[in-house]
Amino acid sequence: MVDNVIETKSFDFAVRIVNLYKYLTNEKKEFVLSKQLLRSGTSIGANVAEAQRAQTKPDFHSKMSVAVKEAGETQYWIKLLYRTEYLTDKEFESLNADINEIIALLIAICKNSK
């Protein structure tokens, strides 16, 4: 079986987001921003998984385009959590590097799938 890089990276990122959500709600008592992050951050991988099972090329492109939008929203929540001091410099830099890599991969996939 061939390893699908974007599927693996988006799933691993979703796991990180779920763990971050647990940390933010349990330790920091932050419930609003973290819930938004949970929704968009896990939606990336869900849309990538749906795209892998798309029936047509336009369907594939559509699902990957939604994943790009969700990744952009996720990046927004990560930046907001950082600027409001819920994330440390180290946490932000690590999450931001991951989401930047995912966004770049998704954009490349979308460009190549037209």
PDB file of N, CA and C in Angstrom:
ATOM      1  N   MET A   1       0.840  -1.187   0.000  1.00  0.00           N
ATOM      2  CA  MET A   1       0.000   0.000   0.000  1.00  0.00           C
ATOM      3  C   MET A   1       0.882   1.246   0.000  1.00  0.00           C
ATOM      4  N   VAL A   2       0.596   2.181  -0.880  1.00  0.00           N
ATOM      5  CA  VAL A   2       1.375   3.411  -0.990  1.00  0.00           C
ATOM      6  C   VAL A   2       0.932   4.380   0.098  1.00  0.00           C
ATOM      7  N   ASP A   3       1.918   5.008   0.753  1.00  0.00           N
ATOM      8  CA  ASP A   3       1.632   5.986   1.793  1.00  0.00           C
ATOM      9  C   ASP A   3       1.135   7.277   1.152  1.00  0.00           C
ATOM     10  N   ASN A   4      -0.011   7.763   1.574  1.00  0.00           N
ATOM     11  CA  ASN A   4      -0.568   9.008   1.085  1.00  0.00           C
ATOM     12  C   ASN A   4      -0.144  10.117   2.052  1.00  0.00           C
ATOM     13  N   VAL A   5       0.786  10.944   1.626  1.00  0.00           N
ATOM     14  CA  VAL A   5       1.398  11.947   2.500  1.00  0.00           C
ATOM     15  C   VAL A   5       0.366  12.892   3.100  1.00  0.00           C
ATOM     16  N   ILE A   6      -0.507  13.451   2.272  1.00  0.00           N
ATOM     17  CA  ILE A   6      -1.468  14.425   2.799  1.00  0.00           C
ATOM     18  C   ILE A   6      -2.480  13.758   3.726  1.00  0.00           C
ATOM     19  N   GLU A   7      -2.865  12.533   3.414  1.00  0.00           N
ATOM     20  CA  GLU A   7      -3.806  11.831   4.290  1.00  0.00           C
ATOM     21  C   GLU A   7      -3.151  11.564   5.651  1.00  0.00           C
ATOM     22  N   THR A   8      -1.905  11.126   5.633  1.00  0.00           N
ATOM     23  CA  THR A   8      -1.175  10.860   6.877  1.00  0.00           C
ATOM     24  C   THR A   8      -0.957  12.138   7.675  1.00  0.00           C
ATOM     25  N   LYS A   9      -0.472  13.180   7.014  1.00  0.00           N
ATOM     26  CA  LYS A   9      -0.184  14.440   7.709  1.00  0.00           C
ATOM     27  C   LYS A   9      -1.447  15.089   8.260  1.00  0.00           C
ATOM     28  N   SER A  10      -2.526  15.059   7.500  1.00  0.00           N
ATOM     29  CA  SER A  10      -3.759  15.688   7.985  1.00  0.00           C
ATOM     30  C   SER A  10      -4.364  14.887   9.139  1.00  0.00           C
ATOM     31  N   PHE A  11      -4.233  13.558   9.113  1.00  0.00           N
ATOM     32  CA  PHE A  11      -4.726  12.741  10.225  1.00  0.00           C
ATOM     33  C   PHE A  11      -3.889  12.982  11.479  1.00  0.00           C
ATOM     34  N   ASP A  12      -2.565  12.968  11.324  1.00  0.00           N
ATOM     35  CA  ASP A  12      -1.683  13.216  12.474  1.00  0.00           C
ATOM     36  C   ASP A  12      -1.920  14.605  13.058  1.00  0.00           C
ATOM     37  N   PHE A  13      -2.177  15.577  12.188  1.00  0.00           N
ATOM     38  CA  PHE A  13      -2.473  16.929  12.641  1.00  0.00           C
ATOM     39  C   PHE A  13      -3.790  16.942  13.417  1.00  0.00           C
ATOM     40  N   ALA A  14      -4.784  16.217  12.945  1.00  0.00           N
ATOM     41  CA  ALA A  14      -6.067  16.139  13.657  1.00  0.00           C
ATOM     42  C   ALA A  14      -5.878  15.565  15.055  1.00  0.00           C
ATOM     43  N   VAL A  15      -5.017  14.568  15.185  1.00  0.00           N
ATOM     44  CA  VAL A  15      -4.717  14.001  16.508  1.00  0.00           C
ATOM     45  C   VAL A  15      -4.105  15.075  17.409  1.00  0.00           C
ATOM     46  N   ARG A  16      -3.180  15.856  16.848  1.00  0.00           N
ATOM     47  CA  ARG A  16      -2.576  16.955  17.624  1.00  0.00           C
ATOM     48  C   ARG A  16      -3.637  17.961  18.069  1.00  0.00           C
ATOM     49  N   ILE A  17      -4.570  18.265  17.173  1.00  0.00           N
ATOM     50  CA  ILE A  17      -5.622  19.234  17.478  1.00  0.00           C
ATOM     51  C   ILE A  17      -6.544  18.705  18.578  1.00  0.00           C
ATOM     52  N   VAL A  18      -6.900  17.432  18.517  1.00  0.00           N
ATOM     53  CA  VAL A  18      -7.739  16.844  19.567  1.00  0.00           C
ATOM     54  C   VAL A  18      -7.019  16.919  20.916  1.00  0.00           C
ATOM     55  N   ASN A  19      -5.737  16.582  20.926  1.00  0.00           N
ATOM     56  CA  ASN A  19      -4.969  16.655  22.173  1.00  0.00           C
ATOM     57  C   ASN A  19      -4.828  18.091  22.670  1.00  0.00           C
ATOM     58  N   LEU A  20      -4.650  19.038  21.751  1.00  0.00           N
ATOM     59  CA  LEU A  20      -4.577  20.449  22.126  1.00  0.00           C
ATOM     60  C   LEU A  20      -5.917  20.903  22.702  1.00  0.00           C
ATOM     61  N   TYR A  21      -7.008  20.478  22.085  1.00  0.00           N
ATOM     62  CA  TYR A  21      -8.339  20.814  22.588  1.00  0.00           C
ATOM     63  C   TYR A  21      -8.513  20.323  24.029  1.00  0.00           C
ATOM     64  N   LYS A  22      -8.100  19.086  24.284  1.00  0.00           N
ATOM     65  CA  LYS A  22      -8.202  18.539  25.651  1.00  0.00           C
ATOM     66  C   LYS A  22      -7.379  19.375  26.628  1.00  0.00           C
ATOM     67  N   TYR A  23      -6.173  19.751  26.212  1.00  0.00           N
ATOM     68  CA  TYR A  23      -5.302  20.577  27.051  1.00  0.00           C
ATOM     69  C   TYR A  23      -5.930  21.949  27.316  1.00  0.00           C
ATOM     70  N   LEU A  24      -6.414  22.599  26.254  1.00  0.00           N
ATOM     71  CA  LEU A  24      -6.984  23.942  26.402  1.00  0.00           C
ATOM     72  C   LEU A  24      -8.225  23.938  27.287  1.00  0.00           C
ATOM     73  N   THR A  25      -9.064  22.928  27.159  1.00  0.00           N
ATOM     74  CA  THR A  25     -10.282  22.897  27.969  1.00  0.00           C
ATOM     75  C   THR A  25     -10.001  22.450  29.405  1.00  0.00           C
ATOM     76  N   ASN A  26      -9.120  21.482  29.576  1.00  0.00           N
ATOM     77  CA  ASN A  26      -8.847  20.970  30.926  1.00  0.00           C
ATOM     78  C   ASN A  26      -7.907  21.858  31.733  1.00  0.00           C
ATOM     79  N   GLU A  27      -6.837  22.311  31.095  1.00  0.00           N
ATOM     80  CA  GLU A  27      -5.812  23.067  31.819  1.00  0.00           C
ATOM     81  C   GLU A  27      -6.029  24.581  31.788  1.00  0.00           C
ATOM     82  N   LYS A  28      -6.416  25.095  30.646  1.00  0.00           N
ATOM     83  CA  LYS A  28      -6.550  26.548  30.473  1.00  0.00           C
ATOM     84  C   LYS A  28      -7.987  27.036  30.641  1.00  0.00           C
ATOM     85  N   LYS A  29      -8.925  26.106  30.714  1.00  0.00           N
ATOM     86  CA  LYS A  29     -10.349  26.427  30.848  1.00  0.00           C
ATOM     87  C   LYS A  29     -10.829  27.351  29.725  1.00  0.00           C
ATOM     88  N   GLU A  30     -10.345  27.077  28.521  1.00  0.00           N
ATOM     89  CA  GLU A  30     -10.741  27.848  27.337  1.00  0.00           C
ATOM     90  C   GLU A  30     -11.640  26.953  26.510  1.00  0.00           C
ATOM     91  N   PHE A  31     -12.888  27.398  26.273  1.00  0.00           N
ATOM     92  CA  PHE A  31     -13.877  26.533  25.632  1.00  0.00           C
ATOM     93  C   PHE A  31     -14.378  27.023  24.278  1.00  0.00           C
ATOM     94  N   VAL A  32     -14.299  28.301  24.007  1.00  0.00           N
ATOM     95  CA  VAL A  32     -14.891  28.846  22.788  1.00  0.00           C
ATOM     96  C   VAL A  32     -13.941  28.739  21.599  1.00  0.00           C
ATOM     97  N   LEU A  33     -12.767  29.330  21.703  1.00  0.00           N
ATOM     98  CA  LEU A  33     -11.790  29.288  20.601  1.00  0.00           C
ATOM     99  C   LEU A  33     -11.338  27.859  20.332  1.00  0.00           C
ATOM    100  N   SER A  34     -11.141  27.103  21.396  1.00  0.00           N
ATOM    101  CA  SER A  34     -10.662  25.731  21.235  1.00  0.00           C
ATOM    102  C   SER A  34     -11.681  24.858  20.499  1.00  0.00           C
ATOM    103  N   LYS A  35     -12.962  25.125  20.694  1.00  0.00           N
ATOM    104  CA  LYS A  35     -13.999  24.359  19.995  1.00  0.00           C
ATOM    105  C   LYS A  35     -13.967  24.677  18.497  1.00  0.00           C
ATOM    106  N   GLN A  36     -13.748  25.944  18.158  1.00  0.00           N
ATOM    107  CA  GLN A  36     -13.620  26.338  16.754  1.00  0.00           C
ATOM    108  C   GLN A  36     -12.413  25.649  16.126  1.00  0.00           C
ATOM    109  N   LEU A  37     -11.294  25.645  16.863  1.00  0.00           N
ATOM    110  CA  LEU A  37     -10.076  24.989  16.395  1.00  0.00           C
ATOM    111  C   LEU A  37     -10.306  23.493  16.196  1.00  0.00           C
ATOM    112  N   LEU A  38     -10.996  22.869  17.132  1.00  0.00           N
ATOM    113  CA  LEU A  38     -11.288  21.434  17.040  1.00  0.00           C
ATOM    114  C   LEU A  38     -12.079  21.127  15.772  1.00  0.00           C
ATOM    115  N   ARG A  39     -13.090  21.929  15.494  1.00  0.00           N
ATOM    116  CA  ARG A  39     -13.938  21.682  14.332  1.00  0.00           C
ATOM    117  C   ARG A  39     -13.171  21.833  13.024  1.00  0.00           C
ATOM    118  N   SER A  40     -12.471  22.952  12.871  1.00  0.00           N
ATOM    119  CA  SER A  40     -11.770  23.181  11.597  1.00  0.00           C
ATOM    120  C   SER A  40     -10.536  22.284  11.464  1.00  0.00           C
ATOM    121  N   GLY A  41      -9.816  22.075  12.562  1.00  0.00           N
ATOM    122  CA  GLY A  41      -8.582  21.293  12.517  1.00  0.00           C
ATOM    123  C   GLY A  41      -8.790  19.822  12.215  1.00  0.00           C
ATOM    124  N   THR A  42      -9.918  19.280  12.645  1.00  0.00           N
ATOM    125  CA  THR A  42     -10.211  17.875  12.346  1.00  0.00           C
ATOM    126  C   THR A  42     -10.927  17.741  11.003  1.00  0.00           C
ATOM    127  N   SER A  43     -11.546  18.816  10.551  1.00  0.00           N
ATOM    128  CA  SER A  43     -12.254  18.797   9.267  1.00  0.00           C
ATOM    129  C   SER A  43     -11.294  18.669   8.080  1.00  0.00           C
ATOM    130  N   ILE A  44     -10.075  19.136   8.242  1.00  0.00           N
ATOM    131  CA  ILE A  44      -9.089  19.048   7.155  1.00  0.00           C
ATOM    132  C   ILE A  44      -8.927  17.587   6.733  1.00  0.00           C
ATOM    133  N   GLY A  45      -8.580  16.754   7.694  1.00  0.00           N
ATOM    134  CA  GLY A  45      -8.364  15.339   7.414  1.00  0.00           C
ATOM    135  C   GLY A  45      -9.620  14.626   6.949  1.00  0.00           C
ATOM    136  N   ALA A  46     -10.774  15.030   7.484  1.00  0.00           N
ATOM    137  CA  ALA A  46     -12.029  14.409   7.068  1.00  0.00           C
ATOM    138  C   ALA A  46     -12.299  14.695   5.589  1.00  0.00           C
ATOM    139  N   ASN A  47     -12.030  15.923   5.158  1.00  0.00           N
ATOM    140  CA  ASN A  47     -12.231  16.269   3.746  1.00  0.00           C
ATOM    141  C   ASN A  47     -11.208  15.589   2.846  1.00  0.00           C
ATOM    142  N   VAL A  48      -9.985  15.459   3.320  1.00  0.00           N
ATOM    143  CA  VAL A  48      -8.962  14.741   2.556  1.00  0.00           C
ATOM    144  C   VAL A  48      -9.378  13.279   2.398  1.00  0.00           C
ATOM    145  N   ALA A  49      -9.875  12.678   3.469  1.00  0.00           N
ATOM    146  CA  ALA A  49     -10.324  11.282   3.405  1.00  0.00           C
ATOM    147  C   ALA A  49     -11.490  11.131   2.428  1.00  0.00           C
ATOM    148  N   GLU A  50     -12.424  12.077   2.456  1.00  0.00           N
ATOM    149  CA  GLU A  50     -13.533  12.034   1.508  1.00  0.00           C
ATOM    150  C   GLU A  50     -13.028  12.172   0.073  1.00  0.00           C
ATOM    151  N   ALA A  51     -12.061  13.045  -0.132  1.00  0.00           N
ATOM    152  CA  ALA A  51     -11.508  13.263  -1.478  1.00  0.00           C
ATOM    153  C   ALA A  51     -10.865  11.993  -2.016  1.00  0.00           C
ATOM    154  N   GLN A  52     -10.257  11.207  -1.149  1.00  0.00           N
ATOM    155  CA  GLN A  52      -9.607   9.975  -1.580  1.00  0.00           C
ATOM    156  C   GLN A  52     -10.613   8.984  -2.149  1.00  0.00           C
ATOM    157  N   ARG A  53     -11.855   9.149  -1.774  1.00  0.00           N
ATOM    158  CA  ARG A  53     -12.909   8.244  -2.243  1.00  0.00           C
ATOM    159  C   ARG A  53     -13.877   8.948  -3.191  1.00  0.00           C
ATOM    160  N   ALA A  54     -13.426  10.054  -3.755  1.00  0.00           N
ATOM    161  CA  ALA A  54     -14.265  10.827  -4.683  1.00  0.00           C
ATOM    162  C   ALA A  54     -14.578   9.997  -5.924  1.00  0.00           C
ATOM    163  N   GLN A  55     -15.754  10.231  -6.471  1.00  0.00           N
ATOM    164  CA  GLN A  55     -16.180   9.467  -7.642  1.00  0.00           C
ATOM    165  C   GLN A  55     -15.736  10.116  -8.945  1.00  0.00           C
ATOM    166  N   THR A  56     -15.485  11.422  -8.908  1.00  0.00           N
ATOM    167  CA  THR A  56     -15.059  12.134 -10.113  1.00  0.00           C
ATOM    168  C   THR A  56     -13.917  13.077  -9.774  1.00  0.00           C
ATOM    169  N   LYS A  57     -13.213  13.520 -10.800  1.00  0.00           N
ATOM    170  CA  LYS A  57     -12.130  14.477 -10.604  1.00  0.00           C
ATOM    171  C   LYS A  57     -12.646  15.808 -10.027  1.00  0.00           C
ATOM    172  N   PRO A  58     -13.772  16.339 -10.537  1.00  0.00           N
ATOM    173  CA  PRO A  58     -14.310  17.565  -9.929  1.00  0.00           C
ATOM    174  C   PRO A  58     -14.696  17.386  -8.455  1.00  0.00           C
ATOM    175  N   ASP A  59     -15.217  16.213  -8.106  1.00  0.00           N
ATOM    176  CA  ASP A  59     -15.561  15.923  -6.713  1.00  0.00           C
ATOM    177  C   ASP A  59     -14.302  15.916  -5.854  1.00  0.00           C
ATOM    178  N   PHE A  60     -13.247  15.289  -6.357  1.00  0.00           N
ATOM    179  CA  PHE A  60     -11.959  15.272  -5.663  1.00  0.00           C
ATOM    180  C   PHE A  60     -11.465  16.698  -5.437  1.00  0.00           C
ATOM    181  N   HIS A  61     -11.479  17.494  -6.489  1.00  0.00           N
ATOM    182  CA  HIS A  61     -11.008  18.880  -6.407  1.00  0.00           C
ATOM    183  C   HIS A  61     -11.840  19.684  -5.405  1.00  0.00           C
ATOM    184  N   SER A  62     -13.137  19.475  -5.422  1.00  0.00           N
ATOM    185  CA  SER A  62     -14.029  20.187  -4.504  1.00  0.00           C
ATOM    186  C   SER A  62     -13.709  19.863  -3.043  1.00  0.00           C
ATOM    187  N   LYS A  63     -13.537  18.588  -2.752  1.00  0.00           N
ATOM    188  CA  LYS A  63     -13.232  18.178  -1.369  1.00  0.00           C
ATOM    189  C   LYS A  63     -11.871  18.712  -0.917  1.00  0.00           C
ATOM    190  N   MET A  64     -10.887  18.674  -1.811  1.00  0.00           N
ATOM    191  CA  MET A  64      -9.566  19.203  -1.474  1.00  0.00           C
ATOM    192  C   MET A  64      -9.613  20.728  -1.291  1.00  0.00           C
ATOM    193  N   SER A  65     -10.457  21.395  -2.073  1.00  0.00           N
ATOM    194  CA  SER A  65     -10.618  22.843  -1.924  1.00  0.00           C
ATOM    195  C   SER A  65     -11.227  23.194  -0.574  1.00  0.00           C
ATOM    196  N   VAL A  66     -12.184  22.385  -0.125  1.00  0.00           N
ATOM    197  CA  VAL A  66     -12.768  22.588   1.200  1.00  0.00           C
ATOM    198  C   VAL A  66     -11.697  22.367   2.271  1.00  0.00           C
ATOM    199  N   ALA A  67     -10.844  21.373   2.073  1.00  0.00           N
ATOM    200  CA  ALA A  67      -9.759  21.108   3.027  1.00  0.00           C
ATOM    201  C   ALA A  67      -8.816  22.310   3.121  1.00  0.00           C
ATOM    202  N   VAL A  68      -8.540  22.967   1.990  1.00  0.00           N
ATOM    203  CA  VAL A  68      -7.690  24.171   1.997  1.00  0.00           C
ATOM    204  C   VAL A  68      -8.355  25.267   2.830  1.00  0.00           C
ATOM    205  N   LYS A  69      -9.643  25.464   2.641  1.00  0.00           N
ATOM    206  CA  LYS A  69     -10.383  26.491   3.399  1.00  0.00           C
ATOM    207  C   LYS A  69     -10.365  26.189   4.891  1.00  0.00           C
ATOM    208  N   GLU A  70     -10.576  24.929   5.239  1.00  0.00           N
ATOM    209  CA  GLU A  70     -10.552  24.527   6.651  1.00  0.00           C
ATOM    210  C   GLU A  70      -9.157  24.723   7.253  1.00  0.00           C
ATOM    211  N   ALA A  71      -8.134  24.454   6.460  1.00  0.00           N
ATOM    212  CA  ALA A  71      -6.756  24.647   6.935  1.00  0.00           C
ATOM    213  C   ALA A  71      -6.484  26.125   7.177  1.00  0.00           C
ATOM    214  N   GLY A  72      -6.980  26.978   6.293  1.00  0.00           N
ATOM    215  CA  GLY A  72      -6.822  28.419   6.488  1.00  0.00           C
ATOM    216  C   GLY A  72      -7.521  28.900   7.748  1.00  0.00           C
ATOM    217  N   GLU A  73      -8.713  28.376   7.981  1.00  0.00           N
ATOM    218  CA  GLU A  73      -9.438  28.732   9.208  1.00  0.00           C
ATOM    219  C   GLU A  73      -8.689  28.229  10.440  1.00  0.00           C
ATOM    220  N   THR A  74      -8.165  27.033  10.356  1.00  0.00           N
ATOM    221  CA  THR A  74      -7.409  26.460  11.471  1.00  0.00           C
ATOM    222  C   THR A  74      -6.202  27.325  11.794  1.00  0.00           C
ATOM    223  N   GLN A  75      -5.511  27.785  10.758  1.00  0.00           N
ATOM    224  CA  GLN A  75      -4.354  28.654  10.972  1.00  0.00           C
ATOM    225  C   GLN A  75      -4.770  29.935  11.697  1.00  0.00           C
ATOM    226  N   TYR A  76      -5.929  30.469  11.341  1.00  0.00           N
ATOM    227  CA  TYR A  76      -6.453  31.655  12.009  1.00  0.00           C
ATOM    228  C   TYR A  76      -6.635  31.397  13.511  1.00  0.00           C
ATOM    229  N   TRP A  77      -7.268  30.282  13.870  1.00  0.00           N
ATOM    230  CA  TRP A  77      -7.504  29.972  15.289  1.00  0.00           C
ATOM    231  C   TRP A  77      -6.198  29.743  16.037  1.00  0.00           C
ATOM    232  N   ILE A  78      -5.235  29.119  15.380  1.00  0.00           N
ATOM    233  CA  ILE A  78      -3.922  28.912  16.011  1.00  0.00           C
ATOM    234  C   ILE A  78      -3.279  30.264  16.314  1.00  0.00           C
ATOM    235  N   LYS A  79      -3.305  31.175  15.341  1.00  0.00           N
ATOM    236  CA  LYS A  79      -2.729  32.517  15.545  1.00  0.00           C
ATOM    237  C   LYS A  79      -3.460  33.271  16.648  1.00  0.00           C
ATOM    238  N   LEU A  80      -4.780  33.162  16.659  1.00  0.00           N
ATOM    239  CA  LEU A  80      -5.563  33.861  17.684  1.00  0.00           C
ATOM    240  C   LEU A  80      -5.279  33.304  19.075  1.00  0.00           C
ATOM    241  N   LEU A  81      -5.203  31.992  19.198  1.00  0.00           N
ATOM    242  CA  LEU A  81      -4.865  31.379  20.491  1.00  0.00           C
ATOM    243  C   LEU A  81      -3.474  31.798  20.955  1.00  0.00           C
ATOM    244  N   TYR A  82      -2.569  31.949  20.023  1.00  0.00           N
ATOM    245  CA  TYR A  82      -1.215  32.396  20.364  1.00  0.00           C
ATOM    246  C   TYR A  82      -1.222  33.852  20.826  1.00  0.00           C
ATOM    247  N   ARG A  83      -1.860  34.704  20.047  1.00  0.00           N
ATOM    248  CA  ARG A  83      -1.879  36.139  20.370  1.00  0.00           C
ATOM    249  C   ARG A  83      -2.642  36.453  21.658  1.00  0.00           C
ATOM    250  N   THR A  84      -3.542  35.555  22.057  1.00  0.00           N
ATOM    251  CA  THR A  84      -4.278  35.732  23.306  1.00  0.00           C
ATOM    252  C   THR A  84      -3.636  34.936  24.448  1.00  0.00           C
ATOM    253  N   GLU A  85      -2.434  34.458  24.195  1.00  0.00           N
ATOM    254  CA  GLU A  85      -1.564  33.830  25.192  1.00  0.00           C
ATOM    255  C   GLU A  85      -2.064  32.493  25.739  1.00  0.00           C
ATOM    256  N   TYR A  86      -2.832  31.775  24.915  1.00  0.00           N
ATOM    257  CA  TYR A  86      -3.200  30.415  25.288  1.00  0.00           C
ATOM    258  C   TYR A  86      -2.150  29.410  24.811  1.00  0.00           C
ATOM    259  N   LEU A  87      -1.339  29.816  23.828  1.00  0.00           N
ATOM    260  CA  LEU A  87      -0.263  28.966  23.322  1.00  0.00           C
ATOM    261  C   LEU A  87       1.083  29.633  23.580  1.00  0.00           C
ATOM    262  N   THR A  88       2.070  28.829  23.925  1.00  0.00           N
ATOM    263  CA  THR A  88       3.422  29.341  24.098  1.00  0.00           C
ATOM    264  C   THR A  88       4.069  29.562  22.726  1.00  0.00           C
ATOM    265  N   ASP A  89       5.203  30.244  22.718  1.00  0.00           N
ATOM    266  CA  ASP A  89       5.944  30.437  21.461  1.00  0.00           C
ATOM    267  C   ASP A  89       6.251  29.092  20.812  1.00  0.00           C
ATOM    268  N   LYS A  90       6.724  28.148  21.616  1.00  0.00           N
ATOM    269  CA  LYS A  90       7.114  26.836  21.103  1.00  0.00           C
ATOM    270  C   LYS A  90       5.911  26.087  20.531  1.00  0.00           C
ATOM    271  N   GLU A  91       4.795  26.107  21.241  1.00  0.00           N
ATOM    272  CA  GLU A  91       3.584  25.436  20.762  1.00  0.00           C
ATOM    273  C   GLU A  91       3.115  26.057  19.446  1.00  0.00           C
ATOM    274  N   PHE A  92       3.096  27.388  19.416  1.00  0.00           N
ATOM    275  CA  PHE A  92       2.655  28.086  18.208  1.00  0.00           C
ATOM    276  C   PHE A  92       3.553  27.768  17.022  1.00  0.00           C
ATOM    277  N   GLU A  93       4.850  27.850  17.218  1.00  0.00           N
ATOM    278  CA  GLU A  93       5.791  27.610  16.114  1.00  0.00           C
ATOM    279  C   GLU A  93       5.629  26.202  15.553  1.00  0.00           C
ATOM    280  N   SER A  94       5.448  25.225  16.403  1.00  0.00           N
ATOM    281  CA  SER A  94       5.286  23.837  15.961  1.00  0.00           C
ATOM    282  C   SER A  94       3.972  23.653  15.199  1.00  0.00           C
ATOM    283  N   LEU A  95       2.871  24.140  15.761  1.00  0.00           N
ATOM    284  CA  LEU A  95       1.565  24.020  15.100  1.00  0.00           C
ATOM    285  C   LEU A  95       1.527  24.811  13.800  1.00  0.00           C
ATOM    286  N   ASN A  96       2.094  26.003  13.821  1.00  0.00           N
ATOM    287  CA  ASN A  96       2.077  26.844  12.627  1.00  0.00           C
ATOM    288  C   ASN A  96       2.911  26.226  11.509  1.00  0.00           C
ATOM    289  N   ALA A  97       4.030  25.617  11.852  1.00  0.00           N
ATOM    290  CA  ALA A  97       4.851  24.938  10.840  1.00  0.00           C
ATOM    291  C   ALA A  97       4.063  23.784  10.216  1.00  0.00           C
ATOM    292  N   ASP A  98       3.365  23.023  11.051  1.00  0.00           N
ATOM    293  CA  ASP A  98       2.564  21.898  10.544  1.00  0.00           C
ATOM    294  C   ASP A  98       1.449  22.373   9.621  1.00  0.00           C
ATOM    295  N   ILE A  99       0.712  23.404  10.043  1.00  0.00           N
ATOM    296  CA  ILE A  99      -0.411  23.850   9.225  1.00  0.00           C
ATOM    297  C   ILE A  99       0.083  24.506   7.937  1.00  0.00           C
ATOM    298  N   ASN A 100       1.215  25.191   7.980  1.00  0.00           N
ATOM    299  CA  ASN A 100       1.782  25.764   6.751  1.00  0.00           C
ATOM    300  C   ASN A 100       2.152  24.675   5.754  1.00  0.00           C
ATOM    301  N   GLU A 101       2.723  23.584   6.251  1.00  0.00           N
ATOM    302  CA  GLU A 101       3.094  22.465   5.389  1.00  0.00           C
ATOM    303  C   GLU A 101       1.842  21.823   4.778  1.00  0.00           C
ATOM    304  N   ILE A 102       0.816  21.645   5.587  1.00  0.00           N
ATOM    305  CA  ILE A 102      -0.428  21.051   5.098  1.00  0.00           C
ATOM    306  C   ILE A 102      -1.076  21.954   4.048  1.00  0.00           C
ATOM    307  N   ILE A 103      -1.109  23.250   4.307  1.00  0.00           N
ATOM    308  CA  ILE A 103      -1.689  24.194   3.341  1.00  0.00           C
ATOM    309  C   ILE A 103      -0.933  24.135   2.018  1.00  0.00           C
ATOM    310  N   ALA A 104       0.391  24.128   2.082  1.00  0.00           N
ATOM    311  CA  ALA A 104       1.201  24.075   0.855  1.00  0.00           C
ATOM    312  C   ALA A 104       0.922  22.796   0.068  1.00  0.00           C
ATOM    313  N   LEU A 105       0.835  21.674   0.756  1.00  0.00           N
ATOM    314  CA  LEU A 105       0.530  20.403   0.091  1.00  0.00           C
ATOM    315  C   LEU A 105      -0.859  20.427  -0.544  1.00  0.00           C
ATOM    316  N   LEU A 106      -1.839  20.922   0.192  1.00  0.00           N
ATOM    317  CA  LEU A 106      -3.207  20.970  -0.323  1.00  0.00           C
ATOM    318  C   LEU A 106      -3.330  21.884  -1.537  1.00  0.00           C
ATOM    319  N   ILE A 107      -2.668  23.025  -1.487  1.00  0.00           N
ATOM    320  CA  ILE A 107      -2.709  23.952  -2.623  1.00  0.00           C
ATOM    321  C   ILE A 107      -2.072  23.309  -3.851  1.00  0.00           C
ATOM    322  N   ALA A 108      -0.953  22.640  -3.656  1.00  0.00           N
ATOM    323  CA  ALA A 108      -0.288  21.948  -4.774  1.00  0.00           C
ATOM    324  C   ALA A 108      -1.197  20.861  -5.354  1.00  0.00           C
ATOM    325  N   ILE A 109      -1.860  20.117  -4.494  1.00  0.00           N
ATOM    326  CA  ILE A 109      -2.769  19.062  -4.953  1.00  0.00           C
ATOM    327  C   ILE A 109      -3.919  19.677  -5.741  1.00  0.00           C
ATOM    328  N   CYS A 110      -4.479  20.771  -5.229  1.00  0.00           N
ATOM    329  CA  CYS A 110      -5.600  21.431  -5.923  1.00  0.00           C
ATOM    330  C   CYS A 110      -5.173  21.951  -7.299  1.00  0.00           C
ATOM    331  N   LYS A 111      -3.991  22.535  -7.367  1.00  0.00           N
ATOM    332  CA  LYS A 111      -3.505  23.048  -8.650  1.00  0.00           C
ATOM    333  C   LYS A 111      -3.308  21.918  -9.671  1.00  0.00           C
ATOM    334  N   ASN A 112      -2.821  20.786  -9.191  1.00  0.00           N
ATOM    335  CA  ASN A 112      -2.567  19.646 -10.066  1.00  0.00           C
ATOM    336  C   ASN A 112      -3.815  18.832 -10.398  1.00  0.00           C
ATOM    337  N   SER A 113      -4.906  19.095  -9.700  1.00  0.00           N
ATOM    338  CA  SER A 113      -6.114  18.281  -9.918  1.00  0.00           C
ATOM    339  C   SER A 113      -7.129  18.963 -10.826  1.00  0.00           C
ATOM    340  N   LYS A 114      -6.792  20.131 -11.317  1.00  0.00           N
ATOM    341  CA  LYS A 114      -7.742  20.847 -12.210  1.00  0.00           C
ATOM    342  C   LYS A 114      -7.797  20.223 -13.576  1.00  0.00           C
TER     343      LYS A 114
END
